[in-house]
Protein backbone atom coordinates (compact mmCIF):
# COMPACT_ATOMS: atom_id res chain seq x y z
CA UNK A 1 11.62 80.50 27.05
CA UNK A 2 8.30 78.86 27.22
CA UNK A 3 5.98 79.81 24.32
CA UNK A 4 3.11 81.53 26.32
CA UNK A 5 5.75 83.88 28.49
CA UNK A 6 7.01 85.43 24.98
CA UNK A 7 3.65 86.89 24.66
CA UNK A 8 3.95 88.88 27.84
CA UNK A 9 7.16 89.69 27.00
CA UNK A 10 6.52 91.02 23.23
CA UNK A 11 3.37 92.93 24.18
CA UNK A 12 4.88 94.23 27.67
CA UNK A 13 1.44 93.92 29.18
CA UNK A 14 0.56 91.81 32.26
CA UNK A 15 -3.53 90.31 32.40
CA UNK A 16 -4.97 92.26 35.67
CA UNK A 17 -5.73 88.65 37.13
CA UNK A 18 -1.93 87.51 37.58
CA UNK A 19 -1.38 90.80 38.87
CA UNK A 20 -4.00 90.59 41.33
CA UNK A 21 -2.54 86.97 42.34
CA UNK A 22 0.67 88.40 43.15
CA UNK A 23 -1.21 90.67 45.36
CA UNK A 24 -2.60 88.73 47.25
CA UNK A 25 0.37 86.22 47.82
CA UNK A 26 2.58 89.16 48.81
CA UNK A 27 -0.44 90.14 51.25
CA UNK A 28 -0.56 86.45 52.49
CA UNK A 29 3.22 86.69 53.08
CA UNK A 30 3.22 89.88 54.80
CA UNK A 31 0.47 88.69 56.87
CA UNK A 32 2.32 85.36 58.16
CA UNK A 33 5.64 87.31 58.67
CA UNK A 34 3.98 89.97 61.31
CA UNK A 35 4.11 87.91 64.29
CA UNK A 36 7.27 85.77 63.10
CA UNK A 37 10.20 86.61 65.29
CA UNK A 38 12.78 87.21 62.76
CA UNK A 39 14.93 89.99 61.72
CA UNK A 40 13.93 92.66 59.29
CA UNK A 41 16.29 91.39 56.23
CA UNK A 42 14.91 87.64 56.57
CA UNK A 43 11.27 88.94 56.45
CA UNK A 44 12.20 91.28 53.34
CA UNK A 45 14.05 88.49 51.63
CA UNK A 46 11.21 86.54 51.83
CA UNK A 47 8.65 88.86 50.66
CA UNK A 48 11.23 89.56 47.75
CA UNK A 49 11.35 85.42 47.08
CA UNK A 50 7.63 85.47 46.71
CA UNK A 51 7.37 88.55 44.61
CA UNK A 52 10.35 87.46 41.95
CA UNK A 53 9.17 83.68 42.05
CA UNK A 54 5.26 84.34 42.48
CA UNK A 55 3.33 80.53 43.62
CA UNK A 56 6.19 78.44 43.66
CA UNK A 57 7.92 80.87 45.97
CA UNK A 58 4.92 81.24 47.96
CA UNK A 59 5.08 77.54 48.40
CA UNK A 60 8.05 77.24 49.53
CA UNK A 61 7.52 80.06 52.25
CA UNK A 62 4.78 78.15 53.68
CA UNK A 63 7.05 74.87 53.81
CA UNK A 64 9.37 77.09 55.55
CA UNK A 65 6.98 78.75 57.95
CA UNK A 66 5.05 75.42 58.77
CA UNK A 67 8.61 73.53 59.54
CA UNK A 68 9.33 76.51 61.89
CA UNK A 69 6.38 76.51 63.73
CA UNK A 70 6.63 72.59 64.25
CA UNK A 71 9.92 72.97 65.51
CA UNK A 72 9.32 75.90 67.90
CA UNK A 73 6.20 73.92 69.54
CA UNK A 74 7.99 70.70 70.30
CA UNK A 75 10.48 72.78 72.34
CA UNK A 76 9.86 73.03 75.95
């Protein structure tokens, strides 16, 4: 476990800015998924992935959405 993370584990406290960043990422994820034609469980999976992996999960999600929209735009 990296040294900076151990501080959060020992103190059991989360800085408010990190909580705010997570809330913003979750909001943006839900916003992008709102009009996507996917099953509900797939949407829930993406929200949970972003919740668990934070910024890395959101980047993976954005790459997935961009590829999905590009592929959908190429079809007649």
